[in-house]
PDB file of N, CA and C in Angstrom:
ATOM      1  N   UNK A   1     139.607  98.453  89.562  1.00  0.00           N
ATOM      2  CA  UNK A   1     138.452  99.295  89.294  1.00  0.00           C
ATOM      3  C   UNK A   1     137.508  99.213  90.480  1.00  0.00           C
ATOM      4  N   UNK A   2     136.948 100.335  90.856  1.00  0.00           N
ATOM      5  CA  UNK A   2     136.049 100.388  91.995  1.00  0.00           C
ATOM      6  C   UNK A   2     134.702  99.796  91.648  1.00  0.00           C
ATOM      7  N   UNK A   3     134.146  99.023  92.570  1.00  0.00           N
ATOM      8  CA  UNK A   3     132.831  98.440  92.371  1.00  0.00           C
ATOM      9  C   UNK A   3     131.820  99.263  93.158  1.00  0.00           C
ATOM     10  N   UNK A   4     130.953  99.975  92.442  1.00  0.00           N
ATOM     11  CA  UNK A   4     129.974 100.841  93.083  1.00  0.00           C
ATOM     12  C   UNK A   4     128.631 100.155  93.307  1.00  0.00           C
ATOM     13  N   UNK A   5     128.553  98.864  93.024  1.00  0.00           N
ATOM     14  CA  UNK A   5     127.284  98.138  93.150  1.00  0.00           C
ATOM     15  C   UNK A   5     126.885  98.006  94.616  1.00  0.00           C
ATOM     16  N   UNK A   6     125.618  98.110  94.859  1.00  0.00           N
ATOM     17  CA  UNK A   6     125.054  97.943  96.199  1.00  0.00           C
ATOM     18  C   UNK A   6     124.037  96.810  96.145  1.00  0.00           C
ATOM     19  N   UNK A   7     123.781  96.209  97.276  1.00  0.00           N
ATOM     20  CA  UNK A   7     122.787  95.149  97.340  1.00  0.00           C
ATOM     21  C   UNK A   7     121.455  95.681  96.833  1.00  0.00           C
ATOM     22  N   UNK A   8     120.829  94.945  95.927  1.00  0.00           N
ATOM     23  CA  UNK A   8     119.548  95.350  95.371  1.00  0.00           C
ATOM     24  C   UNK A   8     119.661  96.162  94.100  1.00  0.00           C
ATOM     25  N   UNK A   9     120.882  96.493  93.660  1.00  0.00           N
ATOM     26  CA  UNK A   9     121.043  97.224  92.405  1.00  0.00           C
ATOM     27  C   UNK A   9     120.554  96.368  91.243  1.00  0.00           C
ATOM     28  N   UNK A  10     120.037  97.026  90.235  1.00  0.00           N
ATOM     29  CA  UNK A  10     119.567  96.340  89.042  1.00  0.00           C
ATOM     30  C   UNK A  10     120.766  96.103  88.125  1.00  0.00           C
ATOM     31  N   UNK A  11     120.898  94.899  87.627  1.00  0.00           N
ATOM     32  CA  UNK A  11     121.959  94.565  86.685  1.00  0.00           C
ATOM     33  C   UNK A  11     121.391  94.632  85.268  1.00  0.00           C
ATOM     34  N   UNK A  12     122.112  95.282  84.357  1.00  0.00           N
ATOM     35  CA  UNK A  12     121.666  95.354  82.966  1.00  0.00           C
ATOM     36  C   UNK A  12     122.716  94.714  82.079  1.00  0.00           C
ATOM     37  N   UNK A  13     122.281  94.222  80.941  1.00  0.00           N
ATOM     38  CA  UNK A  13     123.217  93.581  80.027  1.00  0.00           C
ATOM     39  C   UNK A  13     123.885  94.624  79.134  1.00  0.00           C
ATOM     40  N   UNK A  14     124.849  94.167  78.345  1.00  0.00           N
ATOM     41  CA  UNK A  14     125.628  95.077  77.489  1.00  0.00           C
ATOM     42  C   UNK A  14     124.755  95.816  76.482  1.00  0.00           C
ATOM     43  N   UNK A  15     123.761  95.147  75.947  1.00  0.00           N
ATOM     44  CA  UNK A  15     122.894  95.773  74.939  1.00  0.00           C
ATOM     45  C   UNK A  15     122.159  96.966  75.536  1.00  0.00           C
ATOM     46  N   UNK A  16     121.572  96.780  76.709  1.00  0.00           N
ATOM     47  CA  UNK A  16     120.844  97.879  77.345  1.00  0.00           C
ATOM     48  C   UNK A  16     121.802  98.970  77.823  1.00  0.00           C
ATOM     49  N   UNK A  17     122.969  98.574  78.305  1.00  0.00           N
ATOM     50  CA  UNK A  17     123.967  99.547  78.730  1.00  0.00           C
ATOM     51  C   UNK A  17     124.354 100.439  77.556  1.00  0.00           C
ATOM     52  N   UNK A  18     124.612  99.836  76.397  1.00  0.00           N
ATOM     53  CA  UNK A  18     124.988 100.598  75.214  1.00  0.00           C
ATOM     54  C   UNK A  18     123.857 101.522  74.771  1.00  0.00           C
ATOM     55  N   UNK A  19     122.623 101.048  74.836  1.00  0.00           N
ATOM     56  CA  UNK A  19     121.481 101.875  74.440  1.00  0.00           C
ATOM     57  C   UNK A  19     121.339 103.083  75.360  1.00  0.00           C
ATOM     58  N   UNK A  20     121.515 102.875  76.648  1.00  0.00           N
ATOM     59  CA  UNK A  20     121.427 103.983  77.607  1.00  0.00           C
ATOM     60  C   UNK A  20     122.527 105.004  77.332  1.00  0.00           C
ATOM     61  N   UNK A  21     123.752 104.522  77.106  1.00  0.00           N
ATOM     62  CA  UNK A  21     124.859 105.443  76.828  1.00  0.00           C
ATOM     63  C   UNK A  21     124.618 106.220  75.537  1.00  0.00           C
ATOM     64  N   UNK A  22     124.059 105.546  74.508  1.00  0.00           N
ATOM     65  CA  UNK A  22     123.741 106.249  73.257  1.00  0.00           C
ATOM     66  C   UNK A  22     122.719 107.355  73.487  1.00  0.00           C
ATOM     67  N   UNK A  23     121.687 107.058  74.257  1.00  0.00           N
ATOM     68  CA  UNK A  23     120.650 108.063  74.539  1.00  0.00           C
ATOM     69  C   UNK A  23     121.226 109.257  75.294  1.00  0.00           C
ATOM     70  N   UNK A  24     122.079 108.990  76.262  1.00  0.00           N
ATOM     71  CA  UNK A  24     122.711 110.081  77.012  1.00  0.00           C
ATOM     72  C   UNK A  24     123.584 110.912  76.074  1.00  0.00           C
ATOM     73  N   UNK A  25     124.366 110.234  75.235  1.00  0.00           N
ATOM     74  CA  UNK A  25     125.214 110.935  74.269  1.00  0.00           C
ATOM     75  C   UNK A  25     124.402 111.782  73.305  1.00  0.00           C
ATOM     76  N   UNK A  26     123.278 111.249  72.825  1.00  0.00           N
ATOM     77  CA  UNK A  26     122.409 112.017  71.930  1.00  0.00           C
ATOM     78  C   UNK A  26     121.884 113.267  72.624  1.00  0.00           C
ATOM     79  N   UNK A  27     121.488 113.105  73.880  1.00  0.00           N
ATOM     80  CA  UNK A  27     121.010 114.268  74.642  1.00  0.00           C
ATOM     81  C   UNK A  27     122.079 115.334  74.784  1.00  0.00           C
ATOM     82  N   UNK A  28     123.316 114.911  75.081  1.00  0.00           N
ATOM     83  CA  UNK A  28     124.425 115.865  75.192  1.00  0.00           C
ATOM     84  C   UNK A  28     124.689 116.548  73.855  1.00  0.00           C
ATOM     85  N   UNK A  29     124.675 115.766  72.758  1.00  0.00           N
ATOM     86  CA  UNK A  29     124.930 116.371  71.447  1.00  0.00           C
ATOM     87  C   UNK A  29     123.886 117.429  71.114  1.00  0.00           C
ATOM     88  N   UNK A  30     122.624 117.143  71.401  1.00  0.00           N
ATOM     89  CA  UNK A  30     121.558 118.106  71.121  1.00  0.00           C
ATOM     90  C   UNK A  30     121.741 119.357  71.965  1.00  0.00           C
ATOM     91  N   UNK A  31     122.005 119.174  73.253  1.00  0.00           N
ATOM     92  CA  UNK A  31     122.163 120.318  74.161  1.00  0.00           C
ATOM     93  C   UNK A  31     123.383 121.149  73.798  1.00  0.00           C
ATOM     94  N   UNK A  32     124.495 120.493  73.496  1.00  0.00           N
ATOM     95  CA  UNK A  32     125.721 121.229  73.206  1.00  0.00           C
ATOM     96  C   UNK A  32     125.684 121.907  71.850  1.00  0.00           C
ATOM     97  N   UNK A  33     125.008 121.319  70.866  1.00  0.00           N
ATOM     98  CA  UNK A  33     124.920 121.955  69.552  1.00  0.00           C
ATOM     99  C   UNK A  33     124.069 123.218  69.603  1.00  0.00           C
ATOM    100  N   UNK A  34     123.136 123.283  70.532  1.00  0.00           N
ATOM    101  CA  UNK A  34     122.301 124.478  70.662  1.00  0.00           C
ATOM    102  C   UNK A  34     123.128 125.678  71.098  1.00  0.00           C
ATOM    103  N   UNK A  35     124.222 125.435  71.806  1.00  0.00           N
ATOM    104  CA  UNK A  35     125.069 126.516  72.310  1.00  0.00           C
ATOM    105  C   UNK A  35     126.444 126.497  71.662  1.00  0.00           C
ATOM    106  N   UNK A  36     126.546 125.896  70.519  1.00  0.00           N
ATOM    107  CA  UNK A  36     127.850 125.674  69.901  1.00  0.00           C
ATOM    108  C   UNK A  36     128.536 126.984  69.521  1.00  0.00           C
ATOM    109  N   UNK A  37     129.768 127.101  69.926  1.00  0.00           N
ATOM    110  CA  UNK A  37     130.611 128.230  69.559  1.00  0.00           C
ATOM    111  C   UNK A  37     131.653 127.732  68.567  1.00  0.00           C
ATOM    112  N   UNK A  38     132.182 128.620  67.749  1.00  0.00           N
ATOM    113  CA  UNK A  38     133.222 128.182  66.813  1.00  0.00           C
ATOM    114  C   UNK A  38     134.451 127.660  67.574  1.00  0.00           C
ATOM    115  N   UNK A  39     135.070 126.637  67.028  1.00  0.00           N
ATOM    116  CA  UNK A  39     136.271 126.079  67.643  1.00  0.00           C
ATOM    117  C   UNK A  39     137.478 126.949  67.318  1.00  0.00           C
ATOM    118  N   UNK A  40     138.405 126.997  68.250  1.00  0.00           N
ATOM    119  CA  UNK A  40     139.667 127.665  67.969  1.00  0.00           C
ATOM    120  C   UNK A  40     140.441 126.781  66.994  1.00  0.00           C
ATOM    121  N   UNK A  41     141.353 127.359  66.231  1.00  0.00           N
ATOM    122  CA  UNK A  41     142.144 126.534  65.307  1.00  0.00           C
ATOM    123  C   UNK A  41     142.893 125.406  66.031  1.00  0.00           C
ATOM    124  N   UNK A  42     143.415 125.688  67.204  1.00  0.00           N
ATOM    125  CA  UNK A  42     144.149 124.656  67.961  1.00  0.00           C
ATOM    126  C   UNK A  42     143.228 123.508  68.355  1.00  0.00           C
ATOM    127  N   UNK A  43     142.048 123.823  68.862  1.00  0.00           N
ATOM    128  CA  UNK A  43     141.113 122.782  69.274  1.00  0.00           C
ATOM    129  C   UNK A  43     140.629 121.983  68.067  1.00  0.00           C
ATOM    130  N   UNK A  44     140.395 122.662  66.955  1.00  0.00           N
ATOM    131  CA  UNK A  44     139.986 121.968  65.732  1.00  0.00           C
ATOM    132  C   UNK A  44     141.069 120.989  65.280  1.00  0.00           C
ATOM    133  N   UNK A  45     142.345 121.406  65.357  1.00  0.00           N
ATOM    134  CA  UNK A  45     143.428 120.509  64.943  1.00  0.00           C
ATOM    135  C   UNK A  45     143.549 119.324  65.893  1.00  0.00           C
ATOM    136  N   UNK A  46     143.322 119.528  67.186  1.00  0.00           N
ATOM    137  CA  UNK A  46     143.363 118.418  68.141  1.00  0.00           C
ATOM    138  C   UNK A  46     142.224 117.435  67.895  1.00  0.00           C
ATOM    139  N   UNK A  47     141.045 117.941  67.569  1.00  0.00           N
ATOM    140  CA  UNK A  47     139.929 117.054  67.262  1.00  0.00           C
ATOM    141  C   UNK A  47     140.189 116.265  65.979  1.00  0.00           C
ATOM    142  N   UNK A  48     140.805 116.914  64.991  1.00  0.00           N
ATOM    143  CA  UNK A  48     141.183 116.199  63.767  1.00  0.00           C
ATOM    144  C   UNK A  48     142.186 115.097  64.082  1.00  0.00           C
ATOM    145  N   UNK A  49     143.129 115.409  64.943  1.00  0.00           N
ATOM    146  CA  UNK A  49     144.146 114.423  65.348  1.00  0.00           C
ATOM    147  C   UNK A  49     143.491 113.243  66.071  1.00  0.00           C
ATOM    148  N   UNK A  50     142.542 113.531  66.953  1.00  0.00           N
ATOM    149  CA  UNK A  50     141.833 112.477  67.672  1.00  0.00           C
ATOM    150  C   UNK A  50     141.079 111.572  66.696  1.00  0.00           C
ATOM    151  N   UNK A  51     140.468 112.163  65.689  1.00  0.00           N
ATOM    152  CA  UNK A  51     139.771 111.364  64.672  1.00  0.00           C
ATOM    153  C   UNK A  51     140.752 110.470  63.927  1.00  0.00           C
ATOM    154  N   UNK A  52     141.956 110.983  63.632  1.00  0.00           N
ATOM    155  CA  UNK A  52     142.981 110.170  62.975  1.00  0.00           C
ATOM    156  C   UNK A  52     143.369 108.984  63.851  1.00  0.00           C
ATOM    157  N   UNK A  53     143.539 109.234  65.139  1.00  0.00           N
ATOM    158  CA  UNK A  53     143.900 108.163  66.072  1.00  0.00           C
ATOM    159  C   UNK A  53     142.799 107.110  66.092  1.00  0.00           C
ATOM    160  N   UNK A  54     141.557 107.550  66.140  1.00  0.00           N
ATOM    161  CA  UNK A  54     140.433 106.613  66.155  1.00  0.00           C
ATOM    162  C   UNK A  54     140.389 105.760  64.887  1.00  0.00           C
ATOM    163  N   UNK A  55     140.781 106.343  63.762  1.00  0.00           N
ATOM    164  CA  UNK A  55     140.775 105.597  62.497  1.00  0.00           C
ATOM    165  C   UNK A  55     142.051 104.778  62.312  1.00  0.00           C
ATOM    166  N   UNK A  56     143.021 104.942  63.203  1.00  0.00           N
ATOM    167  CA  UNK A  56     144.280 104.219  63.083  1.00  0.00           C
ATOM    168  C   UNK A  56     145.255 104.862  62.125  1.00  0.00           C
ATOM    169  N   UNK A  57     145.041 106.135  61.814  1.00  0.00           N
ATOM    170  CA  UNK A  57     145.909 106.853  60.884  1.00  0.00           C
ATOM    171  C   UNK A  57     146.863 107.783  61.613  1.00  0.00           C
ATOM    172  N   UNK A  58     147.081 107.553  62.872  1.00  0.00           N
ATOM    173  CA  UNK A  58     147.839 108.480  63.707  1.00  0.00           C
ATOM    174  C   UNK A  58     149.291 108.593  63.254  1.00  0.00           C
ATOM    175  N   UNK A  59     149.776 109.811  63.300  1.00  0.00           N
ATOM    176  CA  UNK A  59     151.196 110.055  63.106  1.00  0.00           C
ATOM    177  C   UNK A  59     151.886 109.767  64.436  1.00  0.00           C
ATOM    178  N   UNK A  60     153.162 109.691  64.447  1.00  0.00           N
ATOM    179  CA  UNK A  60     153.890 109.366  65.669  1.00  0.00           C
ATOM    180  C   UNK A  60     154.152 110.583  66.552  1.00  0.00           C
ATOM    181  N   UNK A  61     153.786 111.777  66.130  1.00  0.00           N
ATOM    182  CA  UNK A  61     154.015 112.961  66.959  1.00  0.00           C
ATOM    183  C   UNK A  61     153.043 113.014  68.129  1.00  0.00           C
ATOM    184  N   UNK A  62     153.426 113.753  69.155  1.00  0.00           N
ATOM    185  CA  UNK A  62     152.613 113.865  70.360  1.00  0.00           C
ATOM    186  C   UNK A  62     151.611 115.000  70.231  1.00  0.00           C
ATOM    187  N   UNK A  63     150.540 114.933  71.030  1.00  0.00           N
ATOM    188  CA  UNK A  63     149.535 115.995  71.081  1.00  0.00           C
ATOM    189  C   UNK A  63     149.989 117.037  72.093  1.00  0.00           C
ATOM    190  N   UNK A  64     150.846 117.938  71.696  1.00  0.00           N
ATOM    191  CA  UNK A  64     151.332 118.965  72.605  1.00  0.00           C
ATOM    192  C   UNK A  64     150.892 120.326  72.115  1.00  0.00           C
ATOM    193  N   UNK A  65     150.678 121.254  73.040  1.00  0.00           N
ATOM    194  CA  UNK A  65     150.260 122.604  72.627  1.00  0.00           C
ATOM    195  C   UNK A  65     151.314 123.341  71.854  1.00  0.00           C
TER     196      UNK A  65
END
């Protein structure tokens, strides 16, 4: 993994890192929901599949178009 740190960079702990990422994610969710378009059936099924994988309920089939 590439190390992008430079001398004098501020180091933050995991708690603050997670909080920053949550805030960025919240900002993206707000911005993207304002322009939300309906999902295509294919994209909706892929998102459902991704949720299954995250929950550990994944089937053994591949995510192919």
